[in-house]
Amino acid sequence: MISRIVVACAALLAFEACPKKDTPPPPPELDAGPKVLAPSIAPPSKPAQPASAECEFMGTWSPGATSAAKYAFVAQVPPCSATPTPATLGSMPLSTPGSFFAEFFVPQGTSGHLCLFGYDASGAIVAVGEPAGNPVRFEGEGEVMFTGLSITVAAVPAVPAATPPPAQPVPAPAKAP
C-alpha cells in the first residue's frame, strides 16, 4: 500500500512539473453596459486672431502756428494730406492741446497712417500733422498700443482761387449812317 501511495505521489509531482498551455482569456461579456470612448485628442492649434485689432493711441499734440475751428486725430489708410479721404479707420475730436488718448478697432493687418487734422468752420482741412513712423501696421492680440506719439500740425498752403480769364472787349455796335 505504501508503494501505491509513493507511486501516486510521484505521478502527481510529475504531472505538476509538466509545462502547461496558456489558458485562453475568458470571452468578453456581450452586455457589459455602455462603452465610453475617449475623444480623439488633436494637437493644439494656434487660436485664430480676432477680426479687429484693438488699437490705443497716446501722445501729445500742438496746433503750432495754426488756428483752426476744430482738430481731430485720425487713423486712415492713405497718407496724411489736405485731401479728405473716405478710407478713415477711426477719428477722435481733440479740443485742448497737450496729451491725447484715442482707441479704435481696426481690421487686423491693415497698414495705415496716423494723422492730426485742423478744420475750418466749414469743415475744410486747413492744417495737417503726423507723428514719426508712418505708415504703421494695425495688428496684434489684446491691446495694440501706439505710445509716445508727438504731433504738431502745420498750415496747409492756401490754394489760390482760380481767376477767370480777362474779359474780351465787346465791340460797340456800328452806328447807322
C-alpha atoms as a PDB file:
ATOM      1  CA  MET A   1       0.000   0.000   0.000  1.00  0.00           C
ATOM      2  CA  ILE A   2       2.803   2.345   0.731  1.00  0.00           C
ATOM      3  CA  SER A   3       4.184   1.643  -2.646  1.00  0.00           C
ATOM      4  CA  ARG A   4       0.911   2.734  -4.237  1.00  0.00           C
ATOM      5  CA  ILE A   5       0.997   5.965  -2.293  1.00  0.00           C
ATOM      6  CA  VAL A   6       4.581   6.570  -3.329  1.00  0.00           C
ATOM      7  CA  VAL A   7       3.718   5.865  -6.972  1.00  0.00           C
ATOM      8  CA  ALA A   8       0.659   8.145  -6.787  1.00  0.00           C
ATOM      9  CA  CYS A   9       2.689  10.978  -5.229  1.00  0.00           C
ATOM     10  CA  ALA A  10       5.438  10.555  -7.836  1.00  0.00           C
ATOM     11  CA  ALA A  11       2.870  10.629 -10.629  1.00  0.00           C
ATOM     12  CA  LEU A  12       1.236  13.727  -9.156  1.00  0.00           C
ATOM     13  CA  LEU A  13       4.577  15.542  -8.876  1.00  0.00           C
ATOM     14  CA  ALA A  14       5.499  14.539 -12.433  1.00  0.00           C
ATOM     15  CA  PHE A  15       2.136  15.807 -13.705  1.00  0.00           C
ATOM     16  CA  GLU A  16       2.567  19.174 -11.955  1.00  0.00           C
ATOM     17  CA  ALA A  17       6.103  19.560 -13.325  1.00  0.00           C
ATOM     18  CA  CYS A  18       4.932  19.235 -16.953  1.00  0.00           C
ATOM     19  CA  PRO A  19       4.694  22.501 -18.963  1.00  0.00           C
ATOM     20  CA  LYS A  20       1.148  23.851 -19.243  1.00  0.00           C
ATOM     21  CA  LYS A  21      -0.547  25.542 -22.159  1.00  0.00           C
ATOM     22  CA  ASP A  22      -1.624  29.146 -21.668  1.00  0.00           C
ATOM     23  CA  THR A  23      -5.234  29.311 -20.809  1.00  0.00           C
ATOM     24  CA  PRO A  24      -7.260  31.499 -23.174  1.00  0.00           C
ATOM     25  CA  PRO A  25      -8.776  34.655 -21.717  1.00  0.00           C
ATOM     26  CA  PRO A  26     -12.434  34.455 -20.878  1.00  0.00           C
ATOM     27  CA  PRO A  27     -14.756  35.585 -23.689  1.00  0.00           C
ATOM     28  CA  PRO A  28     -15.861  39.232 -23.449  1.00  0.00           C
ATOM     29  CA  GLU A  29     -19.202  39.829 -21.921  1.00  0.00           C
ATOM     30  CA  LEU A  30     -21.763  40.642 -24.541  1.00  0.00           C
ATOM     31  CA  ASP A  31     -23.739  43.124 -22.474  1.00  0.00           C
ATOM     32  CA  ALA A  32     -21.227  44.867 -20.256  1.00  0.00           C
ATOM     33  CA  GLY A  33     -23.118  48.210 -20.335  1.00  0.00           C
ATOM     34  CA  PRO A  34     -22.353  51.354 -22.336  1.00  0.00           C
ATOM     35  CA  LYS A  35     -18.855  51.828 -23.607  1.00  0.00           C
ATOM     36  CA  VAL A  36     -17.167  55.189 -23.152  1.00  0.00           C
ATOM     37  CA  LEU A  37     -14.791  56.109 -25.928  1.00  0.00           C
ATOM     38  CA  ALA A  38     -12.067  58.639 -25.243  1.00  0.00           C
ATOM     39  CA  PRO A  39     -12.306  61.604 -27.615  1.00  0.00           C
ATOM     40  CA  SER A  40      -9.533  61.829 -30.136  1.00  0.00           C
ATOM     41  CA  ILE A  41      -7.092  64.434 -28.993  1.00  0.00           C
ATOM     42  CA  ALA A  42      -5.938  66.743 -31.746  1.00  0.00           C
ATOM     43  CA  PRO A  43      -2.696  68.634 -31.384  1.00  0.00           C
ATOM     44  CA  PRO A  44      -3.240  72.137 -30.037  1.00  0.00           C
ATOM     45  CA  SER A  45      -3.758  74.673 -32.783  1.00  0.00           C
ATOM     46  CA  LYS A  46      -2.939  78.365 -32.779  1.00  0.00           C
ATOM     47  CA  PRO A  47      -6.078  80.307 -31.852  1.00  0.00           C
ATOM     48  CA  ALA A  48      -7.487  82.445 -34.632  1.00  0.00           C
ATOM     49  CA  GLN A  49      -6.727  86.165 -34.396  1.00  0.00           C
ATOM     50  CA  PRO A  50      -9.716  88.380 -33.805  1.00  0.00           C
ATOM     51  CA  ALA A  51     -11.089  90.149 -36.876  1.00  0.00           C
ATOM     52  CA  SER A  52     -10.203  93.556 -35.438  1.00  0.00           C
ATOM     53  CA  ALA A  53      -7.166  94.877 -33.624  1.00  0.00           C
ATOM     54  CA  GLU A  54      -7.963  96.990 -30.553  1.00  0.00           C
ATOM     55  CA  CYS A  55      -5.571  99.908 -31.091  1.00  0.00           C
ATOM     56  CA  GLU A  56      -4.811 102.543 -28.457  1.00  0.00           C
ATOM     57  CA  PHE A  57      -3.020 105.794 -29.283  1.00  0.00           C
ATOM     58  CA  MET A  58      -1.337 108.016 -26.677  1.00  0.00           C
ATOM     59  CA  GLY A  59       0.765 111.097 -27.129  1.00  0.00           C
ATOM     60  CA  THR A  60       0.834 114.870 -27.275  1.00  0.00           C
ATOM     61  CA  TRP A  61      -0.222 117.375 -29.903  1.00  0.00           C
ATOM     62  CA  SER A  62       0.244 121.028 -30.642  1.00  0.00           C
ATOM     63  CA  PRO A  63      -1.546 123.311 -33.087  1.00  0.00           C
ATOM     64  CA  GLY A  64       1.779 125.001 -33.867  1.00  0.00           C
ATOM     65  CA  ALA A  65       1.197 128.384 -35.503  1.00  0.00           C
ATOM     66  CA  THR A  66      -2.158 127.314 -36.927  1.00  0.00           C
ATOM     67  CA  SER A  67      -5.591 128.326 -35.843  1.00  0.00           C
ATOM     68  CA  ALA A  68      -8.430 126.046 -36.793  1.00  0.00           C
ATOM     69  CA  ALA A  69     -12.031 125.843 -35.644  1.00  0.00           C
ATOM     70  CA  LYS A  70     -11.558 122.208 -34.579  1.00  0.00           C
ATOM     71  CA  TYR A  71      -8.943 119.441 -34.557  1.00  0.00           C
ATOM     72  CA  ALA A  72      -9.153 115.642 -34.841  1.00  0.00           C
ATOM     73  CA  PHE A  73      -6.792 112.684 -34.511  1.00  0.00           C
ATOM     74  CA  VAL A  74      -7.458 110.276 -37.400  1.00  0.00           C
ATOM     75  CA  ALA A  75      -6.246 106.797 -38.404  1.00  0.00           C
ATOM     76  CA  GLN A  76      -6.626 106.295 -42.141  1.00  0.00           C
ATOM     77  CA  VAL A  77      -5.298 104.154 -44.982  1.00  0.00           C
ATOM     78  CA  PRO A  78      -3.812 106.815 -47.327  1.00  0.00           C
ATOM     79  CA  PRO A  79      -1.032 109.202 -46.302  1.00  0.00           C
ATOM     80  CA  CYS A  80      -1.965 112.378 -44.420  1.00  0.00           C
ATOM     81  CA  SER A  81      -2.852 115.209 -46.787  1.00  0.00           C
ATOM     82  CA  ALA A  82      -5.277 118.096 -47.094  1.00  0.00           C
ATOM     83  CA  THR A  83      -7.479 115.953 -49.338  1.00  0.00           C
ATOM     84  CA  PRO A  84     -10.321 114.336 -47.357  1.00  0.00           C
ATOM     85  CA  THR A  85     -10.478 110.530 -47.600  1.00  0.00           C
ATOM     86  CA  PRO A  86     -13.335 108.055 -47.221  1.00  0.00           C
ATOM     87  CA  ALA A  87     -10.811 105.428 -46.015  1.00  0.00           C
ATOM     88  CA  THR A  88     -10.871 106.623 -42.387  1.00  0.00           C
ATOM     89  CA  LEU A  89     -10.355 103.814 -39.854  1.00  0.00           C
ATOM     90  CA  GLY A  90     -11.173 105.945 -36.814  1.00  0.00           C
ATOM     91  CA  SER A  91     -11.435 109.573 -35.729  1.00  0.00           C
ATOM     92  CA  MET A  92     -11.322 111.315 -32.339  1.00  0.00           C
ATOM     93  CA  PRO A  93     -12.027 115.049 -31.866  1.00  0.00           C
ATOM     94  CA  LEU A  94      -9.379 116.943 -29.885  1.00  0.00           C
ATOM     95  CA  SER A  95     -10.122 120.155 -28.018  1.00  0.00           C
ATOM     96  CA  THR A  96      -7.215 121.215 -25.813  1.00  0.00           C
ATOM     97  CA  PRO A  97      -3.598 120.958 -26.998  1.00  0.00           C
ATOM     98  CA  GLY A  98      -1.450 118.640 -24.904  1.00  0.00           C
ATOM     99  CA  SER A  99      -1.980 114.964 -24.128  1.00  0.00           C
ATOM    100  CA  PHE A 100      -4.462 112.836 -26.041  1.00  0.00           C
ATOM    101  CA  PHE A 101      -5.793 109.279 -25.991  1.00  0.00           C
ATOM    102  CA  ALA A 102      -7.791 107.526 -28.694  1.00  0.00           C
ATOM    103  CA  GLU A 103      -8.949 103.945 -29.210  1.00  0.00           C
ATOM    104  CA  PHE A 104     -10.120 102.425 -32.494  1.00  0.00           C
ATOM    105  CA  PHE A 105     -10.949  98.876 -33.593  1.00  0.00           C
ATOM    106  CA  VAL A 106      -9.154  98.399 -36.905  1.00  0.00           C
ATOM    107  CA  PRO A 107      -9.252  95.375 -39.257  1.00  0.00           C
ATOM    108  CA  GLN A 108      -6.306  93.060 -38.448  1.00  0.00           C
ATOM    109  CA  GLY A 109      -3.260  93.539 -40.648  1.00  0.00           C
ATOM    110  CA  THR A 110      -4.292  96.906 -42.085  1.00  0.00           C
ATOM    111  CA  SER A 111      -1.490  99.323 -42.928  1.00  0.00           C
ATOM    112  CA  GLY A 112      -2.336 102.959 -42.381  1.00  0.00           C
ATOM    113  CA  HIS A 113      -1.309 106.402 -41.270  1.00  0.00           C
ATOM    114  CA  LEU A 114      -1.841 108.391 -38.077  1.00  0.00           C
ATOM    115  CA  CYS A 115      -2.823 111.994 -38.782  1.00  0.00           C
ATOM    116  CA  LEU A 116      -3.928 115.119 -36.973  1.00  0.00           C
ATOM    117  CA  PHE A 117      -6.133 117.491 -38.940  1.00  0.00           C
ATOM    118  CA  GLY A 118      -7.247 121.052 -38.293  1.00  0.00           C
ATOM    119  CA  TYR A 119     -10.575 122.078 -39.853  1.00  0.00           C
ATOM    120  CA  ASP A 120     -12.070 125.490 -40.541  1.00  0.00           C
ATOM    121  CA  ALA A 121     -15.685 126.344 -39.684  1.00  0.00           C
ATOM    122  CA  SER A 122     -16.920 124.882 -42.994  1.00  0.00           C
ATOM    123  CA  GLY A 123     -15.100 121.533 -42.388  1.00  0.00           C
ATOM    124  CA  ALA A 124     -12.280 122.063 -44.895  1.00  0.00           C
ATOM    125  CA  ILE A 125      -8.830 120.810 -43.855  1.00  0.00           C
ATOM    126  CA  VAL A 126      -6.591 123.812 -43.079  1.00  0.00           C
ATOM    127  CA  ALA A 127      -3.805 122.089 -41.071  1.00  0.00           C
ATOM    128  CA  VAL A 128      -2.139 118.649 -41.140  1.00  0.00           C
ATOM    129  CA  GLY A 129       0.344 116.869 -38.897  1.00  0.00           C
ATOM    130  CA  GLU A 130       1.621 113.317 -38.393  1.00  0.00           C
ATOM    131  CA  PRO A 131       3.952 111.517 -35.986  1.00  0.00           C
ATOM    132  CA  ALA A 132       7.276 109.959 -36.963  1.00  0.00           C
ATOM    133  CA  GLY A 133       6.941 106.338 -38.002  1.00  0.00           C
ATOM    134  CA  ASN A 134       4.114 106.480 -40.541  1.00  0.00           C
ATOM    135  CA  PRO A 135       2.917 104.191 -42.034  1.00  0.00           C
ATOM    136  CA  VAL A 136       2.013 101.792 -39.215  1.00  0.00           C
ATOM    137  CA  ARG A 137       0.527  98.280 -39.165  1.00  0.00           C
ATOM    138  CA  PHE A 138      -2.572  97.616 -37.070  1.00  0.00           C
ATOM    139  CA  GLU A 139      -2.068  94.031 -35.978  1.00  0.00           C
ATOM    140  CA  GLY A 140      -1.841  92.030 -32.772  1.00  0.00           C
ATOM    141  CA  GLU A 141      -3.697  90.394 -29.923  1.00  0.00           C
ATOM    142  CA  GLY A 142      -5.073  92.248 -26.941  1.00  0.00           C
ATOM    143  CA  GLU A 143      -4.459  95.979 -26.883  1.00  0.00           C
ATOM    144  CA  VAL A 144      -2.108  97.146 -29.630  1.00  0.00           C
ATOM    145  CA  MET A 145      -0.538 100.306 -28.224  1.00  0.00           C
ATOM    146  CA  PHE A 146       0.991 103.240 -30.068  1.00  0.00           C
ATOM    147  CA  THR A 147       2.589 105.395 -27.368  1.00  0.00           C
ATOM    148  CA  GLY A 148       4.869 108.407 -27.260  1.00  0.00           C
ATOM    149  CA  LEU A 149       3.263 109.999 -30.303  1.00  0.00           C
ATOM    150  CA  SER A 150       4.175 113.655 -30.801  1.00  0.00           C
ATOM    151  CA  ILE A 151       2.288 115.626 -33.442  1.00  0.00           C
ATOM    152  CA  THR A 152       2.497 119.283 -34.405  1.00  0.00           C
ATOM    153  CA  VAL A 153       0.218 120.467 -37.168  1.00  0.00           C
ATOM    154  CA  ALA A 154       1.237 122.862 -39.906  1.00  0.00           C
ATOM    155  CA  ALA A 155      -0.992 125.048 -42.019  1.00  0.00           C
ATOM    156  CA  VAL A 156      -1.934 123.758 -45.427  1.00  0.00           C
ATOM    157  CA  PRO A 157      -0.807 126.196 -48.124  1.00  0.00           C
ATOM    158  CA  ALA A 158      -3.788 128.075 -49.436  1.00  0.00           C
ATOM    159  CA  VAL A 159      -4.748 127.156 -52.948  1.00  0.00           C
ATOM    160  CA  PRO A 160      -5.286 130.342 -54.916  1.00  0.00           C
ATOM    161  CA  ALA A 161      -8.773 130.655 -56.274  1.00  0.00           C
ATOM    162  CA  ALA A 162      -8.983 130.258 -59.997  1.00  0.00           C
ATOM    163  CA  THR A 163      -9.172 133.627 -61.653  1.00  0.00           C
ATOM    164  CA  PRO A 164     -11.398 133.930 -64.656  1.00  0.00           C
ATOM    165  CA  PRO A 165      -9.712 134.855 -67.932  1.00  0.00           C
ATOM    166  CA  PRO A 166      -9.693 138.572 -68.695  1.00  0.00           C
ATOM    167  CA  ALA A 167     -12.848 139.772 -70.336  1.00  0.00           C
ATOM    168  CA  GLN A 168     -12.622 140.395 -74.038  1.00  0.00           C
ATOM    169  CA  PRO A 169     -13.780 143.851 -75.043  1.00  0.00           C
ATOM    170  CA  VAL A 170     -17.065 143.713 -76.802  1.00  0.00           C
ATOM    171  CA  PRO A 171     -17.099 145.826 -79.944  1.00  0.00           C
ATOM    172  CA  ALA A 172     -19.650 148.603 -79.877  1.00  0.00           C
ATOM    173  CA  PRO A 173     -22.460 148.220 -82.339  1.00  0.00           C
ATOM    174  CA  ALA A 174     -21.905 150.140 -85.553  1.00  0.00           C
ATOM    175  CA  LYS A 175     -23.951 153.335 -85.923  1.00  0.00           C
ATOM    176  CA  ALA A 176     -26.227 153.562 -88.849  1.00  0.00           C
ATOM    177  CA  PRO A 177     -25.314 156.410 -91.364  1.00  0.00           C
END
